[in-house]
């Protein structure tokens, strides 16, 4: 049975937060790529962005979406994605047309709540350089530059971040 949680974002639109389904995978993949292309410009080279977002969706992504992803949608359109994998936040992406409306913050708060329910005491994530300040504003700590080894064969600078859950 599908469970929905409704809330109003800061734009005062009624949003629906729900568990992702298998058939949401392609849309989640597309949002990922659009968010990377829009949000990471100026932080990574055009060549890195192209390699990072090119190609077909891997089949393992479909499994991850069905198992671990949560979505925010409005009027049937998916606007944000994110997942909790044990104690790690992953794949938190907002469609470029919906950036700045608080959806990333709302989805992150939901994932943190799930983590608490599951007895997780601390969360970790690897932030893109452009998103590090967002995560800091949500209570995550982390300053040093690390490296993310993408399955696409590139190495990207990132910030490893942590947050203790109360």
C-alpha atoms as a PDB file:
ATOM      1  CA  UNK A   1       0.000   0.000   0.000  1.00  0.00           C
ATOM      2  CA  UNK A   2       1.317   3.426  -1.006  1.00  0.00           C
ATOM      3  CA  UNK A   3       1.573   5.928   1.850  1.00  0.00           C
ATOM      4  CA  UNK A   4       1.661   9.638   1.078  1.00  0.00           C
ATOM      5  CA  UNK A   5       2.577  12.575   3.221  1.00  0.00           C
ATOM      6  CA  UNK A   6       1.263  15.948   2.116  1.00  0.00           C
ATOM      7  CA  UNK A   7       2.861  19.247   3.049  1.00  0.00           C
ATOM      8  CA  UNK A   8       3.034  22.828   1.822  1.00  0.00           C
ATOM      9  CA  UNK A   9       6.380  24.039   0.544  1.00  0.00           C
ATOM     10  CA  UNK A  10       7.504  27.608   1.043  1.00  0.00           C
ATOM     11  CA  UNK A  11       5.822  28.511  -2.247  1.00  0.00           C
ATOM     12  CA  UNK A  12       2.562  27.456  -0.518  1.00  0.00           C
ATOM     13  CA  UNK A  13       1.905  24.683  -3.035  1.00  0.00           C
ATOM     14  CA  UNK A  14       0.541  21.375  -1.774  1.00  0.00           C
ATOM     15  CA  UNK A  15       3.244  18.754  -2.321  1.00  0.00           C
ATOM     16  CA  UNK A  16       3.123  14.983  -1.978  1.00  0.00           C
ATOM     17  CA  UNK A  17       6.036  13.041  -0.505  1.00  0.00           C
ATOM     18  CA  UNK A  18       5.993   9.330  -1.287  1.00  0.00           C
ATOM     19  CA  UNK A  19       8.061   6.192  -1.595  1.00  0.00           C
ATOM     20  CA  UNK A  20       9.343   5.715  -5.124  1.00  0.00           C
ATOM     21  CA  UNK A  21       8.225   2.892  -7.373  1.00  0.00           C
ATOM     22  CA  UNK A  22      10.096   1.023 -10.075  1.00  0.00           C
ATOM     23  CA  UNK A  23       8.343   2.999 -12.798  1.00  0.00           C
ATOM     24  CA  UNK A  24       9.742   6.255 -11.316  1.00  0.00           C
ATOM     25  CA  UNK A  25      13.334   5.282 -12.113  1.00  0.00           C
ATOM     26  CA  UNK A  26      13.660   6.989 -15.501  1.00  0.00           C
ATOM     27  CA  UNK A  27      12.198  10.248 -14.195  1.00  0.00           C
ATOM     28  CA  UNK A  28      14.521  10.101 -11.166  1.00  0.00           C
ATOM     29  CA  UNK A  29      17.459   9.524 -13.529  1.00  0.00           C
ATOM     30  CA  UNK A  30      16.421  12.466 -15.692  1.00  0.00           C
ATOM     31  CA  UNK A  31      16.074  14.766 -12.660  1.00  0.00           C
ATOM     32  CA  UNK A  32      19.528  13.666 -11.493  1.00  0.00           C
ATOM     33  CA  UNK A  33      21.073  14.628 -14.805  1.00  0.00           C
ATOM     34  CA  UNK A  34      19.197  17.933 -15.093  1.00  0.00           C
ATOM     35  CA  UNK A  35      20.126  18.900 -11.521  1.00  0.00           C
ATOM     36  CA  UNK A  36      23.794  18.064 -12.087  1.00  0.00           C
ATOM     37  CA  UNK A  37      23.901  20.034 -15.334  1.00  0.00           C
ATOM     38  CA  UNK A  38      22.139  23.060 -13.801  1.00  0.00           C
ATOM     39  CA  UNK A  39      23.529  23.100 -10.269  1.00  0.00           C
ATOM     40  CA  UNK A  40      27.118  22.024 -10.790  1.00  0.00           C
ATOM     41  CA  UNK A  41      28.051  24.478 -13.545  1.00  0.00           C
ATOM     42  CA  UNK A  42      31.064  26.502 -12.490  1.00  0.00           C
ATOM     43  CA  UNK A  43      32.088  23.919  -9.878  1.00  0.00           C
ATOM     44  CA  UNK A  44      33.060  21.156 -12.320  1.00  0.00           C
ATOM     45  CA  UNK A  45      34.285  21.323 -15.894  1.00  0.00           C
ATOM     46  CA  UNK A  46      31.930  20.954 -18.850  1.00  0.00           C
ATOM     47  CA  UNK A  47      33.747  17.730 -19.734  1.00  0.00           C
ATOM     48  CA  UNK A  48      33.194  16.323 -16.231  1.00  0.00           C
ATOM     49  CA  UNK A  49      29.505  17.252 -16.328  1.00  0.00           C
ATOM     50  CA  UNK A  50      29.110  15.636 -19.745  1.00  0.00           C
ATOM     51  CA  UNK A  51      30.757  12.356 -18.670  1.00  0.00           C
ATOM     52  CA  UNK A  52      28.871  12.359 -15.348  1.00  0.00           C
ATOM     53  CA  UNK A  53      25.476  12.654 -17.028  1.00  0.00           C
ATOM     54  CA  UNK A  54      25.889  10.892 -20.370  1.00  0.00           C
ATOM     55  CA  UNK A  55      24.607   7.466 -21.265  1.00  0.00           C
ATOM     56  CA  UNK A  56      21.683   5.314 -20.371  1.00  0.00           C
ATOM     57  CA  UNK A  57      20.351   4.705 -16.890  1.00  0.00           C
ATOM     58  CA  UNK A  58      22.119   1.682 -15.349  1.00  0.00           C
ATOM     59  CA  UNK A  59      19.840  -1.221 -14.407  1.00  0.00           C
ATOM     60  CA  UNK A  60      21.125  -1.131 -10.819  1.00  0.00           C
ATOM     61  CA  UNK A  61      19.639   2.365 -10.543  1.00  0.00           C
ATOM     62  CA  UNK A  62      16.142   0.934 -11.062  1.00  0.00           C
ATOM     63  CA  UNK A  63      16.652  -1.428  -8.129  1.00  0.00           C
ATOM     64  CA  UNK A  64      17.919   1.409  -5.927  1.00  0.00           C
ATOM     65  CA  UNK A  65      14.958   3.620  -6.794  1.00  0.00           C
ATOM     66  CA  UNK A  66      12.430   0.926  -5.982  1.00  0.00           C
ATOM     67  CA  UNK A  67      14.159  -0.078  -2.746  1.00  0.00           C
ATOM     68  CA  UNK A  68      15.432   3.188  -1.239  1.00  0.00           C
ATOM     69  CA  UNK A  69      14.160   6.319  -2.989  1.00  0.00           C
ATOM     70  CA  UNK A  70      11.584   8.857  -1.849  1.00  0.00           C
ATOM     71  CA  UNK A  71      10.062  11.505  -4.087  1.00  0.00           C
ATOM     72  CA  UNK A  72       8.313  14.823  -3.859  1.00  0.00           C
ATOM     73  CA  UNK A  73       5.712  15.482  -6.510  1.00  0.00           C
ATOM     74  CA  UNK A  74       3.258  18.221  -7.364  1.00  0.00           C
ATOM     75  CA  UNK A  75       0.266  17.682  -9.630  1.00  0.00           C
ATOM     76  CA  UNK A  76       1.688  14.332 -10.739  1.00  0.00           C
ATOM     77  CA  UNK A  77       5.120  15.727 -11.661  1.00  0.00           C
ATOM     78  CA  UNK A  78       8.149  14.472  -9.731  1.00  0.00           C
ATOM     79  CA  UNK A  79      10.236  17.429  -8.568  1.00  0.00           C
ATOM     80  CA  UNK A  80      12.756  15.987  -6.091  1.00  0.00           C
ATOM     81  CA  UNK A  81      14.410  12.669  -5.279  1.00  0.00           C
ATOM     82  CA  UNK A  82      16.502  11.322  -2.443  1.00  0.00           C
ATOM     83  CA  UNK A  83      17.412   8.096  -0.733  1.00  0.00           C
ATOM     84  CA  UNK A  84      18.541   6.749   2.594  1.00  0.00           C
ATOM     85  CA  UNK A  85      20.924   3.800   2.376  1.00  0.00           C
ATOM     86  CA  UNK A  86      21.622   2.637   5.927  1.00  0.00           C
ATOM     87  CA  UNK A  87      23.262   5.758   7.391  1.00  0.00           C
ATOM     88  CA  UNK A  88      24.002   7.497   4.081  1.00  0.00           C
ATOM     89  CA  UNK A  89      22.017  10.168   2.276  1.00  0.00           C
ATOM     90  CA  UNK A  90      22.321   9.733  -1.463  1.00  0.00           C
ATOM     91  CA  UNK A  91      20.844  11.068  -4.699  1.00  0.00           C
ATOM     92  CA  UNK A  92      19.198  14.180  -3.269  1.00  0.00           C
ATOM     93  CA  UNK A  93      18.305  16.051  -6.440  1.00  0.00           C
ATOM     94  CA  UNK A  94      15.761  18.754  -7.222  1.00  0.00           C
ATOM     95  CA  UNK A  95      14.479  19.494 -10.716  1.00  0.00           C
ATOM     96  CA  UNK A  96      16.004  22.806 -11.861  1.00  0.00           C
ATOM     97  CA  UNK A  97      12.521  24.350 -12.306  1.00  0.00           C
ATOM     98  CA  UNK A  98      11.812  23.665  -8.619  1.00  0.00           C
ATOM     99  CA  UNK A  99      15.164  24.664  -7.107  1.00  0.00           C
ATOM    100  CA  UNK A 100      14.995  27.215  -4.309  1.00  0.00           C
ATOM    101  CA  UNK A 101      11.509  26.227  -3.132  1.00  0.00           C
ATOM    102  CA  UNK A 102      12.681  24.251  -0.090  1.00  0.00           C
ATOM    103  CA  UNK A 103      12.002  20.814  -1.573  1.00  0.00           C
ATOM    104  CA  UNK A 104      15.541  19.555  -0.959  1.00  0.00           C
ATOM    105  CA  UNK A 105      15.298  20.647   2.679  1.00  0.00           C
ATOM    106  CA  UNK A 106      11.873  19.000   3.062  1.00  0.00           C
ATOM    107  CA  UNK A 107      13.021  15.723   1.539  1.00  0.00           C
ATOM    108  CA  UNK A 108      16.221  15.730   3.600  1.00  0.00           C
ATOM    109  CA  UNK A 109      14.174  16.245   6.777  1.00  0.00           C
ATOM    110  CA  UNK A 110      12.025  13.250   5.826  1.00  0.00           C
ATOM    111  CA  UNK A 111      15.087  11.060   5.227  1.00  0.00           C
ATOM    112  CA  UNK A 112      16.520  12.135   8.591  1.00  0.00           C
ATOM    113  CA  UNK A 113      13.230  11.198  10.251  1.00  0.00           C
ATOM    114  CA  UNK A 114      13.365   7.752   8.624  1.00  0.00           C
ATOM    115  CA  UNK A 115      16.928   7.326   9.857  1.00  0.00           C
ATOM    116  CA  UNK A 116      15.893   8.150  13.432  1.00  0.00           C
ATOM    117  CA  UNK A 117      13.009   5.655  13.207  1.00  0.00           C
ATOM    118  CA  UNK A 118      15.534   3.024  12.115  1.00  0.00           C
ATOM    119  CA  UNK A 119      17.822   3.757  15.062  1.00  0.00           C
ATOM    120  CA  UNK A 120      20.536   5.531  13.063  1.00  0.00           C
ATOM    121  CA  UNK A 121      22.597   7.845  15.275  1.00  0.00           C
ATOM    122  CA  UNK A 122      24.541   9.723  12.590  1.00  0.00           C
ATOM    123  CA  UNK A 123      24.254  10.358   8.877  1.00  0.00           C
ATOM    124  CA  UNK A 124      26.951  10.769   6.253  1.00  0.00           C
ATOM    125  CA  UNK A 125      26.935  12.004   2.682  1.00  0.00           C
ATOM    126  CA  UNK A 126      29.266  13.078  -0.081  1.00  0.00           C
ATOM    127  CA  UNK A 127      28.242  16.532  -1.210  1.00  0.00           C
ATOM    128  CA  UNK A 128      28.970  18.086  -4.545  1.00  0.00           C
ATOM    129  CA  UNK A 129      30.933  21.299  -4.152  1.00  0.00           C
ATOM    130  CA  UNK A 130      27.916  23.437  -5.030  1.00  0.00           C
ATOM    131  CA  UNK A 131      25.646  21.759  -2.440  1.00  0.00           C
ATOM    132  CA  UNK A 132      27.980  21.821   0.586  1.00  0.00           C
ATOM    133  CA  UNK A 133      26.607  25.114   1.927  1.00  0.00           C
ATOM    134  CA  UNK A 134      23.045  23.772   1.616  1.00  0.00           C
ATOM    135  CA  UNK A 135      23.943  20.732   3.720  1.00  0.00           C
ATOM    136  CA  UNK A 136      25.735  22.925   6.269  1.00  0.00           C
ATOM    137  CA  UNK A 137      22.563  24.994   6.598  1.00  0.00           C
ATOM    138  CA  UNK A 138      20.763  21.711   7.389  1.00  0.00           C
ATOM    139  CA  UNK A 139      23.155  20.859  10.224  1.00  0.00           C
ATOM    140  CA  UNK A 140      25.789  18.783   8.419  1.00  0.00           C
ATOM    141  CA  UNK A 141      29.482  19.351   9.114  1.00  0.00           C
ATOM    142  CA  UNK A 142      32.389  18.866   6.760  1.00  0.00           C
ATOM    143  CA  UNK A 143      35.018  21.112   5.264  1.00  0.00           C
ATOM    144  CA  UNK A 144      37.786  19.110   3.610  1.00  0.00           C
ATOM    145  CA  UNK A 145      37.768  18.241  -0.059  1.00  0.00           C
ATOM    146  CA  UNK A 146      37.686  14.533  -0.794  1.00  0.00           C
ATOM    147  CA  UNK A 147      37.297  12.614  -4.018  1.00  0.00           C
ATOM    148  CA  UNK A 148      34.289  10.772  -5.365  1.00  0.00           C
ATOM    149  CA  UNK A 149      35.095   7.971  -7.788  1.00  0.00           C
ATOM    150  CA  UNK A 150      32.185   7.914 -10.202  1.00  0.00           C
ATOM    151  CA  UNK A 151      31.139   4.648 -11.834  1.00  0.00           C
ATOM    152  CA  UNK A 152      31.356   6.681 -15.052  1.00  0.00           C
ATOM    153  CA  UNK A 153      35.153   6.643 -14.735  1.00  0.00           C
ATOM    154  CA  UNK A 154      35.834  10.157 -13.494  1.00  0.00           C
ATOM    155  CA  UNK A 155      37.068  11.443 -10.164  1.00  0.00           C
ATOM    156  CA  UNK A 156      35.202  14.459  -8.797  1.00  0.00           C
ATOM    157  CA  UNK A 157      35.946  16.678  -5.836  1.00  0.00           C
ATOM    158  CA  UNK A 158      33.354  16.429  -3.076  1.00  0.00           C
ATOM    159  CA  UNK A 159      32.910  17.241   0.597  1.00  0.00           C
ATOM    160  CA  UNK A 160      32.355  14.335   2.996  1.00  0.00           C
ATOM    161  CA  UNK A 161      29.815  15.487   5.557  1.00  0.00           C
ATOM    162  CA  UNK A 162      28.325  14.145   8.793  1.00  0.00           C
ATOM    163  CA  UNK A 163      25.398  14.922  11.057  1.00  0.00           C
ATOM    164  CA  UNK A 164      24.639  13.518  14.477  1.00  0.00           C
ATOM    165  CA  UNK A 165      20.969  12.695  14.979  1.00  0.00           C
ATOM    166  CA  UNK A 166      19.378  13.433  18.349  1.00  0.00           C
END
